[in-house]
Amino acid sequence: MSEKAEQNSAGALDTVKWIVATVLAALAIWGNSYYADISPLYRALAIVAVAVVAGFVALQTEQGRAFNQLRKDAMIELRKVVWPTRQETVQTTLIVLVFVVIVALILFMFDWVLKGLVSWVIG
């Protein structure tokens, strides 16, 4: 029974945290338009600061922690990727470009032939 009550209080606290993060984001948007006469640099810095605080608050929720874990797992998987060498990249790019040119020529020929046929039929 206490586990269920603990989950309810955690869920309510998460809701409050999401409301705080949303209010902070809304205040940043409102402040940007309200203080339009202030330098854009200072407004951008203020928005970044408020966004960092709102992000920090959002990361304290259950969904935020899950998102952060997903981000960490993605970074681990990204380190496992075997990236192609420069030579492999250049060769693959050239193959794609040659194939595109060949297909473009084939389509041009089909278009030219069909245009001639239609012109012959129409007269």
PDB file of N, CA and C in Angstrom:
ATOM      1  N   MET A   1       0.818  -1.186   0.000  1.00  0.00           N
ATOM      2  CA  MET A   1       0.000   0.000   0.000  1.00  0.00           C
ATOM      3  C   MET A   1       0.865   1.255   0.000  1.00  0.00           C
ATOM      4  N   SER A   2       1.961   1.232   0.776  1.00  0.00           N
ATOM      5  CA  SER A   2       2.820   2.417   0.846  1.00  0.00           C
ATOM      6  C   SER A   2       3.536   2.651  -0.481  1.00  0.00           C
ATOM      7  N   GLU A   3       3.798   1.565  -1.227  1.00  0.00           N
ATOM      8  CA  GLU A   3       4.447   1.710  -2.532  1.00  0.00           C
ATOM      9  C   GLU A   3       3.542   2.473  -3.490  1.00  0.00           C
ATOM     10  N   LYS A   4       2.249   2.204  -3.439  1.00  0.00           N
ATOM     11  CA  LYS A   4       1.297   2.903  -4.302  1.00  0.00           C
ATOM     12  C   LYS A   4       1.203   4.373  -3.910  1.00  0.00           C
ATOM     13  N   ALA A   5       1.191   4.648  -2.632  1.00  0.00           N
ATOM     14  CA  ALA A   5       1.140   6.037  -2.169  1.00  0.00           C
ATOM     15  C   ALA A   5       2.413   6.775  -2.556  1.00  0.00           C
ATOM     16  N   GLU A   6       3.542   6.070  -2.515  1.00  0.00           N
ATOM     17  CA  GLU A   6       4.815   6.671  -2.901  1.00  0.00           C
ATOM     18  C   GLU A   6       4.825   7.000  -4.389  1.00  0.00           C
ATOM     19  N   GLN A   7       4.248   6.112  -5.220  1.00  0.00           N
ATOM     20  CA  GLN A   7       4.165   6.362  -6.659  1.00  0.00           C
ATOM     21  C   GLN A   7       3.250   7.543  -6.948  1.00  0.00           C
ATOM     22  N   ASN A   8       2.142   7.665  -6.204  1.00  0.00           N
ATOM     23  CA  ASN A   8       1.222   8.779  -6.411  1.00  0.00           C
ATOM     24  C   ASN A   8       1.880  10.104  -6.068  1.00  0.00           C
ATOM     25  N   SER A   9       2.644  10.130  -4.968  1.00  0.00           N
ATOM     26  CA  SER A   9       3.305  11.380  -4.585  1.00  0.00           C
ATOM     27  C   SER A   9       4.420  11.716  -5.573  1.00  0.00           C
ATOM     28  N   ALA A  10       5.115  10.672  -6.074  1.00  0.00           N
ATOM     29  CA  ALA A  10       6.155  10.911  -7.077  1.00  0.00           C
ATOM     30  C   ALA A  10       5.528  11.419  -8.367  1.00  0.00           C
ATOM     31  N   GLY A  11       4.372  10.866  -8.743  1.00  0.00           N
ATOM     32  CA  GLY A  11       3.678  11.317  -9.938  1.00  0.00           C
ATOM     33  C   GLY A  11       3.197  12.748  -9.795  1.00  0.00           C
ATOM     34  N   ALA A  12       2.704  13.099  -8.618  1.00  0.00           N
ATOM     35  CA  ALA A  12       2.250  14.470  -8.380  1.00  0.00           C
ATOM     36  C   ALA A  12       3.435  15.431  -8.408  1.00  0.00           C
ATOM     37  N   LEU A  13       4.552  15.007  -7.834  1.00  0.00           N
ATOM     38  CA  LEU A  13       5.747  15.855  -7.833  1.00  0.00           C
ATOM     39  C   LEU A  13       6.279  16.026  -9.258  1.00  0.00           C
ATOM     40  N   ASP A  14       6.212  14.953 -10.053  1.00  0.00           N
ATOM     41  CA  ASP A  14       6.617  15.065 -11.456  1.00  0.00           C
ATOM     42  C   ASP A  14       5.721  16.049 -12.198  1.00  0.00           C
ATOM     43  N   THR A  15       4.434  16.014 -11.916  1.00  0.00           N
ATOM     44  CA  THR A  15       3.508  16.950 -12.553  1.00  0.00           C
ATOM     45  C   THR A  15       3.874  18.379 -12.203  1.00  0.00           C
ATOM     46  N   VAL A  16       4.200  18.624 -10.948  1.00  0.00           N
ATOM     47  CA  VAL A  16       4.601  19.972 -10.521  1.00  0.00           C
ATOM     48  C   VAL A  16       5.882  20.390 -11.240  1.00  0.00           C
ATOM     49  N   LYS A  17       6.816  19.484 -11.361  1.00  0.00           N
ATOM     50  CA  LYS A  17       8.069  19.805 -12.052  1.00  0.00           C
ATOM     51  C   LYS A  17       7.820  20.128 -13.521  1.00  0.00           C
ATOM     52  N   TRP A  18       6.934  19.376 -14.192  1.00  0.00           N
ATOM     53  CA  TRP A  18       6.613  19.665 -15.591  1.00  0.00           C
ATOM     54  C   TRP A  18       5.921  21.019 -15.718  1.00  0.00           C
ATOM     55  N   ILE A  19       5.061  21.352 -14.752  1.00  0.00           N
ATOM     56  CA  ILE A  19       4.403  22.662 -14.776  1.00  0.00           C
ATOM     57  C   ILE A  19       5.431  23.766 -14.614  1.00  0.00           C
ATOM     58  N   VAL A  20       6.381  23.578 -13.705  1.00  0.00           N
ATOM     59  CA  VAL A  20       7.436  24.586 -13.502  1.00  0.00           C
ATOM     60  C   VAL A  20       8.260  24.753 -14.774  1.00  0.00           C
ATOM     61  N   ALA A  21       8.634  23.643 -15.406  1.00  0.00           N
ATOM     62  CA  ALA A  21       9.426  23.725 -16.635  1.00  0.00           C
ATOM     63  C   ALA A  21       8.634  24.423 -17.742  1.00  0.00           C
ATOM     64  N   THR A  22       7.338  24.128 -17.843  1.00  0.00           N
ATOM     65  CA  THR A  22       6.499  24.767 -18.856  1.00  0.00           C
ATOM     66  C   THR A  22       6.344  26.250 -18.591  1.00  0.00           C
ATOM     67  N   VAL A  23       6.138  26.617 -17.330  1.00  0.00           N
ATOM     68  CA  VAL A  23       6.008  28.036 -16.972  1.00  0.00           C
ATOM     69  C   VAL A  23       7.313  28.771 -17.275  1.00  0.00           C
ATOM     70  N   LEU A  24       8.441  28.159 -16.979  1.00  0.00           N
ATOM     71  CA  LEU A  24       9.723  28.796 -17.294  1.00  0.00           C
ATOM     72  C   LEU A  24       9.873  29.015 -18.800  1.00  0.00           C
ATOM     73  N   ALA A  25       9.509  28.034 -19.588  1.00  0.00           N
ATOM     74  CA  ALA A  25       9.594  28.178 -21.041  1.00  0.00           C
ATOM     75  C   ALA A  25       8.649  29.281 -21.526  1.00  0.00           C
ATOM     76  N   ALA A  26       7.436  29.313 -20.979  1.00  0.00           N
ATOM     77  CA  ALA A  26       6.477  30.353 -21.360  1.00  0.00           C
ATOM     78  C   ALA A  26       6.983  31.733 -20.957  1.00  0.00           C
ATOM     79  N   LEU A  27       7.595  31.832 -19.789  1.00  0.00           N
ATOM     80  CA  LEU A  27       8.154  33.117 -19.353  1.00  0.00           C
ATOM     81  C   LEU A  27       9.302  33.563 -20.259  1.00  0.00           C
ATOM     82  N   ALA A  28      10.088  32.629 -20.720  1.00  0.00           N
ATOM     83  CA  ALA A  28      11.183  32.983 -21.633  1.00  0.00           C
ATOM     84  C   ALA A  28      10.615  33.527 -22.944  1.00  0.00           C
ATOM     85  N   ILE A  29       9.574  32.896 -23.452  1.00  0.00           N
ATOM     86  CA  ILE A  29       8.957  33.374 -24.698  1.00  0.00           C
ATOM     87  C   ILE A  29       8.317  34.738 -24.486  1.00  0.00           C
ATOM     88  N   TRP A  30       7.581  34.886 -23.386  1.00  0.00           N
ATOM     89  CA  TRP A  30       6.940  36.166 -23.093  1.00  0.00           C
ATOM     90  C   TRP A  30       7.993  37.253 -22.882  1.00  0.00           C
ATOM     91  N   GLY A  31       9.038  36.938 -22.121  1.00  0.00           N
ATOM     92  CA  GLY A  31      10.086  37.922 -21.848  1.00  0.00           C
ATOM     93  C   GLY A  31      10.805  38.367 -23.102  1.00  0.00           C
ATOM     94  N   ASN A  32      10.977  37.462 -24.054  1.00  0.00           N
ATOM     95  CA  ASN A  32      11.639  37.814 -25.307  1.00  0.00           C
ATOM     96  C   ASN A  32      10.848  38.875 -26.067  1.00  0.00           C
ATOM     97  N   SER A  33       9.530  38.750 -26.073  1.00  0.00           N
ATOM     98  CA  SER A  33       8.731  39.754 -26.784  1.00  0.00           C
ATOM     99  C   SER A  33       8.529  41.009 -25.940  1.00  0.00           C
ATOM    100  N   TYR A  34       8.411  40.870 -24.627  1.00  0.00           N
ATOM    101  CA  TYR A  34       8.191  42.032 -23.765  1.00  0.00           C
ATOM    102  C   TYR A  34       9.415  42.940 -23.743  1.00  0.00           C
ATOM    103  N   TYR A  35      10.588  42.350 -23.721  1.00  0.00           N
ATOM    104  CA  TYR A  35      11.827  43.125 -23.678  1.00  0.00           C
ATOM    105  C   TYR A  35      12.450  43.230 -25.070  1.00  0.00           C
ATOM    106  N   ALA A  36      11.642  43.497 -26.070  1.00  0.00           N
ATOM    107  CA  ALA A  36      12.110  43.567 -27.457  1.00  0.00           C
ATOM    108  C   ALA A  36      13.087  44.715 -27.679  1.00  0.00           C
ATOM    109  N   ASP A  37      13.042  45.742 -26.825  1.00  0.00           N
ATOM    110  CA  ASP A  37      13.935  46.889 -26.998  1.00  0.00           C
ATOM    111  C   ASP A  37      15.345  46.631 -26.467  1.00  0.00           C
ATOM    112  N   ILE A  38      15.535  45.539 -25.756  1.00  0.00           N
ATOM    113  CA  ILE A  38      16.865  45.189 -25.231  1.00  0.00           C
ATOM    114  C   ILE A  38      17.626  44.445 -26.326  1.00  0.00           C
ATOM    115  N   SER A  39      18.943  44.524 -26.255  1.00  0.00           N
ATOM    116  CA  SER A  39      19.814  43.897 -27.256  1.00  0.00           C
ATOM    117  C   SER A  39      19.473  42.416 -27.456  1.00  0.00           C
ATOM    118  N   PRO A  40      19.421  41.980 -28.707  1.00  0.00           N
ATOM    119  CA  PRO A  40      19.119  40.557 -28.975  1.00  0.00           C
ATOM    120  C   PRO A  40      20.122  39.608 -28.321  1.00  0.00           C
ATOM    121  N   LEU A  41      21.352  40.038 -28.176  1.00  0.00           N
ATOM    122  CA  LEU A  41      22.350  39.186 -27.530  1.00  0.00           C
ATOM    123  C   LEU A  41      21.958  38.886 -26.089  1.00  0.00           C
ATOM    124  N   TYR A  42      21.552  39.921 -25.342  1.00  0.00           N
ATOM    125  CA  TYR A  42      21.167  39.718 -23.946  1.00  0.00           C
ATOM    126  C   TYR A  42      19.890  38.891 -23.839  1.00  0.00           C
ATOM    127  N   ARG A  43      18.950  39.118 -24.757  1.00  0.00           N
ATOM    128  CA  ARG A  43      17.727  38.320 -24.741  1.00  0.00           C
ATOM    129  C   ARG A  43      18.041  36.855 -25.045  1.00  0.00           C
ATOM    130  N   ALA A  44      18.930  36.606 -26.007  1.00  0.00           N
ATOM    131  CA  ALA A  44      19.296  35.230 -26.348  1.00  0.00           C
ATOM    132  C   ALA A  44      19.991  34.551 -25.163  1.00  0.00           C
ATOM    133  N   LEU A  45      20.872  35.279 -24.505  1.00  0.00           N
ATOM    134  CA  LEU A  45      21.553  34.709 -23.334  1.00  0.00           C
ATOM    135  C   LEU A  45      20.555  34.398 -22.218  1.00  0.00           C
ATOM    136  N   ALA A  46      19.585  35.296 -22.020  1.00  0.00           N
ATOM    137  CA  ALA A  46      18.574  35.054 -20.991  1.00  0.00           C
ATOM    138  C   ALA A  46      17.724  33.839 -21.345  1.00  0.00           C
ATOM    139  N   ILE A  47      17.359  33.694 -22.615  1.00  0.00           N
ATOM    140  CA  ILE A  47      16.553  32.544 -23.033  1.00  0.00           C
ATOM    141  C   ILE A  47      17.331  31.254 -22.842  1.00  0.00           C
ATOM    142  N   VAL A  48      18.611  31.266 -23.191  1.00  0.00           N
ATOM    143  CA  VAL A  48      19.438  30.068 -23.005  1.00  0.00           C
ATOM    144  C   VAL A  48      19.525  29.715 -21.523  1.00  0.00           C
ATOM    145  N   ALA A  49      19.706  30.733 -20.663  1.00  0.00           N
ATOM    146  CA  ALA A  49      19.796  30.488 -19.223  1.00  0.00           C
ATOM    147  C   ALA A  49      18.493  29.896 -18.688  1.00  0.00           C
ATOM    148  N   VAL A  50      17.365  30.467 -19.098  1.00  0.00           N
ATOM    149  CA  VAL A  50      16.069  29.953 -18.634  1.00  0.00           C
ATOM    150  C   VAL A  50      15.826  28.554 -19.191  1.00  0.00           C
ATOM    151  N   ALA A  51      16.234  28.315 -20.432  1.00  0.00           N
ATOM    152  CA  ALA A  51      16.064  26.986 -21.032  1.00  0.00           C
ATOM    153  C   ALA A  51      16.905  25.945 -20.292  1.00  0.00           C
ATOM    154  N   VAL A  52      18.087  26.327 -19.867  1.00  0.00           N
ATOM    155  CA  VAL A  52      18.937  25.399 -19.107  1.00  0.00           C
ATOM    156  C   VAL A  52      18.267  25.053 -17.779  1.00  0.00           C
ATOM    157  N   VAL A  53      17.723  26.063 -17.109  1.00  0.00           N
ATOM    158  CA  VAL A  53      17.040  25.809 -15.834  1.00  0.00           C
ATOM    159  C   VAL A  53      15.804  24.944 -16.064  1.00  0.00           C
ATOM    160  N   ALA A  54      15.012  25.253 -17.084  1.00  0.00           N
ATOM    161  CA  ALA A  54      13.815  24.459 -17.384  1.00  0.00           C
ATOM    162  C   ALA A  54      14.203  23.020 -17.754  1.00  0.00           C
ATOM    163  N   GLY A  55      15.275  22.860 -18.519  1.00  0.00           N
ATOM    164  CA  GLY A  55      15.745  21.520 -18.858  1.00  0.00           C
ATOM    165  C   GLY A  55      16.204  20.747 -17.635  1.00  0.00           C
ATOM    166  N   PHE A  56      16.884  21.438 -16.726  1.00  0.00           N
ATOM    167  CA  PHE A  56      17.330  20.799 -15.492  1.00  0.00           C
ATOM    168  C   PHE A  56      16.130  20.326 -14.674  1.00  0.00           C
ATOM    169  N   VAL A  57      15.107  21.180 -14.577  1.00  0.00           N
ATOM    170  CA  VAL A  57      13.901  20.795 -13.838  1.00  0.00           C
ATOM    171  C   VAL A  57      13.225  19.605 -14.521  1.00  0.00           C
ATOM    172  N   ALA A  58      13.133  19.631 -15.844  1.00  0.00           N
ATOM    173  CA  ALA A  58      12.479  18.539 -16.566  1.00  0.00           C
ATOM    174  C   ALA A  58      13.256  17.238 -16.422  1.00  0.00           C
ATOM    175  N   LEU A  59      14.580  17.317 -16.349  1.00  0.00           N
ATOM    176  CA  LEU A  59      15.386  16.095 -16.200  1.00  0.00           C
ATOM    177  C   LEU A  59      15.239  15.466 -14.815  1.00  0.00           C
ATOM    178  N   GLN A  60      14.659  16.183 -13.873  1.00  0.00           N
ATOM    179  CA  GLN A  60      14.455  15.634 -12.532  1.00  0.00           C
ATOM    180  C   GLN A  60      13.199  14.774 -12.444  1.00  0.00           C
ATOM    181  N   THR A  61      12.390  14.757 -13.506  1.00  0.00           N
ATOM    182  CA  THR A  61      11.187  13.929 -13.514  1.00  0.00           C
ATOM    183  C   THR A  61      11.530  12.508 -13.945  1.00  0.00           C
ATOM    184  N   GLU A  62      10.571  11.614 -13.803  1.00  0.00           N
ATOM    185  CA  GLU A  62      10.786  10.222 -14.203  1.00  0.00           C
ATOM    186  C   GLU A  62      11.029  10.123 -15.710  1.00  0.00           C
ATOM    187  N   GLN A  63      10.226  10.854 -16.490  1.00  0.00           N
ATOM    188  CA  GLN A  63      10.413  10.839 -17.947  1.00  0.00           C
ATOM    189  C   GLN A  63      11.746  11.485 -18.320  1.00  0.00           C
ATOM    190  N   GLY A  64      12.136  12.512 -17.589  1.00  0.00           N
ATOM    191  CA  GLY A  64      13.410  13.169 -17.852  1.00  0.00           C
ATOM    192  C   GLY A  64      14.585  12.245 -17.594  1.00  0.00           C
ATOM    193  N   ARG A  65      14.516  11.486 -16.505  1.00  0.00           N
ATOM    194  CA  ARG A  65      15.581  10.525 -16.210  1.00  0.00           C
ATOM    195  C   ARG A  65      15.627   9.433 -17.274  1.00  0.00           C
ATOM    196  N   ALA A  66      14.455   8.987 -17.728  1.00  0.00           N
ATOM    197  CA  ALA A  66      14.417   7.969 -18.780  1.00  0.00           C
ATOM    198  C   ALA A  66      15.012   8.523 -20.071  1.00  0.00           C
ATOM    199  N   PHE A  67      14.694   9.776 -20.399  1.00  0.00           N
ATOM    200  CA  PHE A  67      15.251  10.404 -21.596  1.00  0.00           C
ATOM    201  C   PHE A  67      16.768  10.532 -21.480  1.00  0.00           C
ATOM    202  N   ASN A  68      17.251  10.917 -20.320  1.00  0.00           N
ATOM    203  CA  ASN A  68      18.691  11.056 -20.122  1.00  0.00           C
ATOM    204  C   ASN A  68      19.391   9.709 -20.248  1.00  0.00           C
ATOM    205  N   GLN A  69      18.762   8.643 -19.745  1.00  0.00           N
ATOM    206  CA  GLN A  69      19.342   7.302 -19.879  1.00  0.00           C
ATOM    207  C   GLN A  69      19.372   6.889 -21.342  1.00  0.00           C
ATOM    208  N   LEU A  70      18.308   7.203 -22.086  1.00  0.00           N
ATOM    209  CA  LEU A  70      18.274   6.917 -23.516  1.00  0.00           C
ATOM    210  C   LEU A  70      19.399   7.655 -24.243  1.00  0.00           C
ATOM    211  N   ARG A  71      19.614   8.916 -23.877  1.00  0.00           N
ATOM    212  CA  ARG A  71      20.693   9.704 -24.487  1.00  0.00           C
ATOM    213  C   ARG A  71      22.055   9.072 -24.203  1.00  0.00           C
ATOM    214  N   LYS A  72      22.271   8.650 -22.969  1.00  0.00           N
ATOM    215  CA  LYS A  72      23.541   8.007 -22.621  1.00  0.00           C
ATOM    216  C   LYS A  72      23.735   6.705 -23.390  1.00  0.00           C
ATOM    217  N   ASP A  73      22.669   5.901 -23.484  1.00  0.00           N
ATOM    218  CA  ASP A  73      22.755   4.642 -24.237  1.00  0.00           C
ATOM    219  C   ASP A  73      23.040   4.903 -25.710  1.00  0.00           C
ATOM    220  N   ALA A  74      22.432   5.942 -26.252  1.00  0.00           N
ATOM    221  CA  ALA A  74      22.668   6.277 -27.658  1.00  0.00           C
ATOM    222  C   ALA A  74      24.124   6.684 -27.871  1.00  0.00           C
ATOM    223  N   MET A  75      24.693   7.420 -26.946  1.00  0.00           N
ATOM    224  CA  MET A  75      26.098   7.821 -27.069  1.00  0.00           C
ATOM    225  C   MET A  75      27.017   6.596 -27.005  1.00  0.00           C
ATOM    226  N   ILE A  76      26.679   5.641 -26.160  1.00  0.00           N
ATOM    227  CA  ILE A  76      27.476   4.414 -26.074  1.00  0.00           C
ATOM    228  C   ILE A  76      27.407   3.653 -27.399  1.00  0.00           C
ATOM    229  N   GLU A  77      26.210   3.545 -27.970  1.00  0.00           N
ATOM    230  CA  GLU A  77      26.060   2.857 -29.252  1.00  0.00           C
ATOM    231  C   GLU A  77      26.770   3.609 -30.371  1.00  0.00           C
ATOM    232  N   LEU A  78      26.757   4.937 -30.292  1.00  0.00           N
ATOM    233  CA  LEU A  78      27.421   5.743 -31.316  1.00  0.00           C
ATOM    234  C   LEU A  78      28.932   5.501 -31.309  1.00  0.00           C
ATOM    235  N   ARG A  79      29.504   5.255 -30.131  1.00  0.00           N
ATOM    236  CA  ARG A  79      30.937   4.961 -30.061  1.00  0.00           C
ATOM    237  C   ARG A  79      31.274   3.608 -30.684  1.00  0.00           C
ATOM    238  N   LYS A  80      30.293   2.714 -30.778  1.00  0.00           N
ATOM    239  CA  LYS A  80      30.523   1.385 -31.346  1.00  0.00           C
ATOM    240  C   LYS A  80      30.482   1.381 -32.871  1.00  0.00           C
ATOM    241  N   VAL A  81      30.021   2.464 -33.469  1.00  0.00           N
ATOM    242  CA  VAL A  81      29.877   2.521 -34.918  1.00  0.00           C
ATOM    243  C   VAL A  81      31.251   2.533 -35.577  1.00  0.00           C
ATOM    244  N   VAL A  82      31.399   1.754 -36.637  1.00  0.00           N
ATOM    245  CA  VAL A  82      32.637   1.757 -37.416  1.00  0.00           C
ATOM    246  C   VAL A  82      32.403   2.694 -38.600  1.00  0.00           C
ATOM    247  N   TRP A  83      33.034   3.851 -38.561  1.00  0.00           N
ATOM    248  CA  TRP A  83      32.832   4.852 -39.593  1.00  0.00           C
ATOM    249  C   TRP A  83      33.708   4.536 -40.801  1.00  0.00           C
ATOM    250  N   PRO A  84      33.215   4.826 -42.011  1.00  0.00           N
ATOM    251  CA  PRO A  84      34.020   4.546 -43.203  1.00  0.00           C
ATOM    252  C   PRO A  84      35.219   5.485 -43.285  1.00  0.00           C
ATOM    253  N   THR A  85      36.244   5.006 -43.975  1.00  0.00           N
ATOM    254  CA  THR A  85      37.423   5.849 -44.169  1.00  0.00           C
ATOM    255  C   THR A  85      37.103   6.895 -45.236  1.00  0.00           C
ATOM    256  N   ARG A  86      37.993   7.841 -45.386  1.00  0.00           N
ATOM    257  CA  ARG A  86      37.791   8.888 -46.392  1.00  0.00           C
ATOM    258  C   ARG A  86      37.737   8.274 -47.793  1.00  0.00           C
ATOM    259  N   GLN A  87      38.619   7.307 -48.053  1.00  0.00           N
ATOM    260  CA  GLN A  87      38.653   6.668 -49.366  1.00  0.00           C
ATOM    261  C   GLN A  87      37.337   5.942 -49.652  1.00  0.00           C
ATOM    262  N   GLU A  88      36.810   5.211 -48.682  1.00  0.00           N
ATOM    263  CA  GLU A  88      35.535   4.513 -48.869  1.00  0.00           C
ATOM    264  C   GLU A  88      34.397   5.502 -49.122  1.00  0.00           C
ATOM    265  N   THR A  89      34.420   6.611 -48.424  1.00  0.00           N
ATOM    266  CA  THR A  89      33.380   7.627 -48.600  1.00  0.00           C
ATOM    267  C   THR A  89      33.443   8.230 -49.993  1.00  0.00           C
ATOM    268  N   VAL A  90      34.647   8.551 -50.456  1.00  0.00           N
ATOM    269  CA  VAL A  90      34.802   9.141 -51.790  1.00  0.00           C
ATOM    270  C   VAL A  90      34.367   8.141 -52.859  1.00  0.00           C
ATOM    271  N   GLN A  91      34.778   6.878 -52.726  1.00  0.00           N
ATOM    272  CA  GLN A  91      34.409   5.868 -53.707  1.00  0.00           C
ATOM    273  C   GLN A  91      32.899   5.664 -53.759  1.00  0.00           C
ATOM    274  N   THR A  92      32.259   5.589 -52.616  1.00  0.00           N
ATOM    275  CA  THR A  92      30.808   5.411 -52.571  1.00  0.00           C
ATOM    276  C   THR A  92      30.093   6.613 -53.185  1.00  0.00           C
ATOM    277  N   THR A  93      30.584   7.809 -52.890  1.00  0.00           N
ATOM    278  CA  THR A  93      29.984   9.017 -53.456  1.00  0.00           C
ATOM    279  C   THR A  93      30.104   9.025 -54.971  1.00  0.00           C
ATOM    280  N   LEU A  94      31.270   8.645 -55.484  1.00  0.00           N
ATOM    281  CA  LEU A  94      31.453   8.605 -56.937  1.00  0.00           C
ATOM    282  C   LEU A  94      30.540   7.565 -57.584  1.00  0.00           C
ATOM    283  N   ILE A  95      30.389   6.415 -56.964  1.00  0.00           N
ATOM    284  CA  ILE A  95      29.496   5.385 -57.497  1.00  0.00           C
ATOM    285  C   ILE A  95      28.065   5.918 -57.576  1.00  0.00           C
ATOM    286  N   VAL A  96      27.628   6.595 -56.529  1.00  0.00           N
ATOM    287  CA  VAL A  96      26.268   7.155 -56.515  1.00  0.00           C
ATOM    288  C   VAL A  96      26.120   8.205 -57.607  1.00  0.00           C
ATOM    289  N   LEU A  97      27.098   9.079 -57.756  1.00  0.00           N
ATOM    290  CA  LEU A  97      27.019  10.125 -58.780  1.00  0.00           C
ATOM    291  C   LEU A  97      26.973   9.529 -60.188  1.00  0.00           C
ATOM    292  N   VAL A  98      27.791   8.515 -60.456  1.00  0.00           N
ATOM    293  CA  VAL A  98      27.790   7.866 -61.770  1.00  0.00           C
ATOM    294  C   VAL A  98      26.431   7.209 -62.017  1.00  0.00           C
ATOM    295  N   PHE A  99      25.903   6.531 -61.029  1.00  0.00           N
ATOM    296  CA  PHE A  99      24.601   5.889 -61.178  1.00  0.00           C
ATOM    297  C   PHE A  99      23.510   6.921 -61.457  1.00  0.00           C
ATOM    298  N   VAL A 100      23.539   8.053 -60.772  1.00  0.00           N
ATOM    299  CA  VAL A 100      22.546   9.105 -60.989  1.00  0.00           C
ATOM    300  C   VAL A 100      22.641   9.643 -62.412  1.00  0.00           C
ATOM    301  N   VAL A 101      23.853   9.846 -62.905  1.00  0.00           N
ATOM    302  CA  VAL A 101      24.029  10.344 -64.271  1.00  0.00           C
ATOM    303  C   VAL A 101      23.501   9.320 -65.271  1.00  0.00           C
ATOM    304  N   ILE A 102      23.785   8.045 -65.069  1.00  0.00           N
ATOM    305  CA  ILE A 102      23.312   6.998 -65.982  1.00  0.00           C
ATOM    306  C   ILE A 102      21.783   6.955 -66.001  1.00  0.00           C
ATOM    307  N   VAL A 103      21.164   6.985 -64.838  1.00  0.00           N
ATOM    308  CA  VAL A 103      19.701   6.965 -64.772  1.00  0.00           C
ATOM    309  C   VAL A 103      19.119   8.221 -65.418  1.00  0.00           C
ATOM    310  N   ALA A 104      19.756   9.379 -65.212  1.00  0.00           N
ATOM    311  CA  ALA A 104      19.282  10.614 -65.840  1.00  0.00           C
ATOM    312  C   ALA A 104      19.349  10.509 -67.360  1.00  0.00           C
ATOM    313  N   LEU A 105      20.423   9.922 -67.893  1.00  0.00           N
ATOM    314  CA  LEU A 105      20.526   9.746 -69.344  1.00  0.00           C
ATOM    315  C   LEU A 105      19.467   8.784 -69.871  1.00  0.00           C
ATOM    316  N   ILE A 106      19.226   7.712 -69.147  1.00  0.00           N
ATOM    317  CA  ILE A 106      18.187   6.762 -69.562  1.00  0.00           C
ATOM    318  C   ILE A 106      16.821   7.444 -69.577  1.00  0.00           C
ATOM    319  N   LEU A 107      16.509   8.188 -68.558  1.00  0.00           N
ATOM    320  CA  LEU A 107      15.228   8.897 -68.503  1.00  0.00           C
ATOM    321  C   LEU A 107      15.132   9.942 -69.612  1.00  0.00           C
ATOM    322  N   PHE A 108      16.253  10.617 -69.901  1.00  0.00           N
ATOM    323  CA  PHE A 108      16.257  11.585 -70.995  1.00  0.00           C
ATOM    324  C   PHE A 108      15.948  10.902 -72.316  1.00  0.00           C
ATOM    325  N   MET A 109      16.540   9.737 -72.547  1.00  0.00           N
ATOM    326  CA  MET A 109      16.307   9.007 -73.793  1.00  0.00           C
ATOM    327  C   MET A 109      14.836   8.563 -73.895  1.00  0.00           C
ATOM    328  N   PHE A 110      14.282   8.024 -72.804  1.00  0.00           N
ATOM    329  CA  PHE A 110      12.868   7.642 -72.814  1.00  0.00           C
ATOM    330  C   PHE A 110      11.984   8.847 -73.129  1.00  0.00           C
ATOM    331  N   ASP A 111      12.276   9.968 -72.492  1.00  0.00           N
ATOM    332  CA  ASP A 111      11.495  11.173 -72.713  1.00  0.00           C
ATOM    333  C   ASP A 111      11.600  11.624 -74.162  1.00  0.00           C
ATOM    334  N   TRP A 112      12.792  11.567 -74.713  1.00  0.00           N
ATOM    335  CA  TRP A 112      13.028  12.009 -76.097  1.00  0.00           C
ATOM    336  C   TRP A 112      12.275  11.115 -77.082  1.00  0.00           C
ATOM    337  N   VAL A 113      12.336   9.784 -76.822  1.00  0.00           N
ATOM    338  CA  VAL A 113      11.642   8.841 -77.702  1.00  0.00           C
ATOM    339  C   VAL A 113      10.123   9.035 -77.595  1.00  0.00           C
ATOM    340  N   LEU A 114       9.599   9.141 -76.387  1.00  0.00           N
ATOM    341  CA  LEU A 114       8.162   9.319 -76.206  1.00  0.00           C
ATOM    342  C   LEU A 114       7.686  10.650 -76.796  1.00  0.00           C
ATOM    343  N   LYS A 115       8.484  11.681 -76.670  1.00  0.00           N
ATOM    344  CA  LYS A 115       8.132  12.971 -77.262  1.00  0.00           C
ATOM    345  C   LYS A 115       8.047  12.842 -78.781  1.00  0.00           C
ATOM    346  N   GLY A 116       8.995  12.139 -79.385  1.00  0.00           N
ATOM    347  CA  GLY A 116       8.967  11.918 -80.825  1.00  0.00           C
ATOM    348  C   GLY A 116       7.768  11.120 -81.261  1.00  0.00           C
ATOM    349  N   LEU A 117       7.439  10.051 -80.487  1.00  0.00           N
ATOM    350  CA  LEU A 117       6.263   9.243 -80.821  1.00  0.00           C
ATOM    351  C   LEU A 117       4.970  10.051 -80.728  1.00  0.00           C
ATOM    352  N   VAL A 118       4.827  10.817 -79.671  1.00  0.00           N
ATOM    353  CA  VAL A 118       3.627  11.628 -79.501  1.00  0.00           C
ATOM    354  C   VAL A 118       3.542  12.681 -80.603  1.00  0.00           C
ATOM    355  N   SER A 119       4.660  13.291 -80.960  1.00  0.00           N
ATOM    356  CA  SER A 119       4.660  14.296 -82.036  1.00  0.00           C
ATOM    357  C   SER A 119       4.285  13.643 -83.369  1.00  0.00           C
ATOM    358  N   TRP A 120       4.764  12.423 -83.607  1.00  0.00           N
ATOM    359  CA  TRP A 120       4.442  11.721 -84.858  1.00  0.00           C
ATOM    360  C   TRP A 120       2.953  11.363 -84.921  1.00  0.00           C
ATOM    361  N   VAL A 121       2.396  10.890 -83.746  1.00  0.00           N
ATOM    362  CA  VAL A 121       0.990  10.507 -83.707  1.00  0.00           C
ATOM    363  C   VAL A 121       0.089  11.733 -83.864  1.00  0.00           C
ATOM    364  N   ILE A 122       0.417  12.794 -83.192  1.00  0.00           N
ATOM    365  CA  ILE A 122      -0.407  14.006 -83.242  1.00  0.00           C
ATOM    366  C   ILE A 122      -0.281  14.666 -84.608  1.00  0.00           C
ATOM    367  N   GLY A 123       0.886  14.613 -85.202  1.00  0.00           N
ATOM    368  CA  GLY A 123       1.047  15.120 -86.562  1.00  0.00           C
ATOM    369  C   GLY A 123       1.703  16.402 -86.553  1.00  0.00           C
TER     370      GLY A 123
END
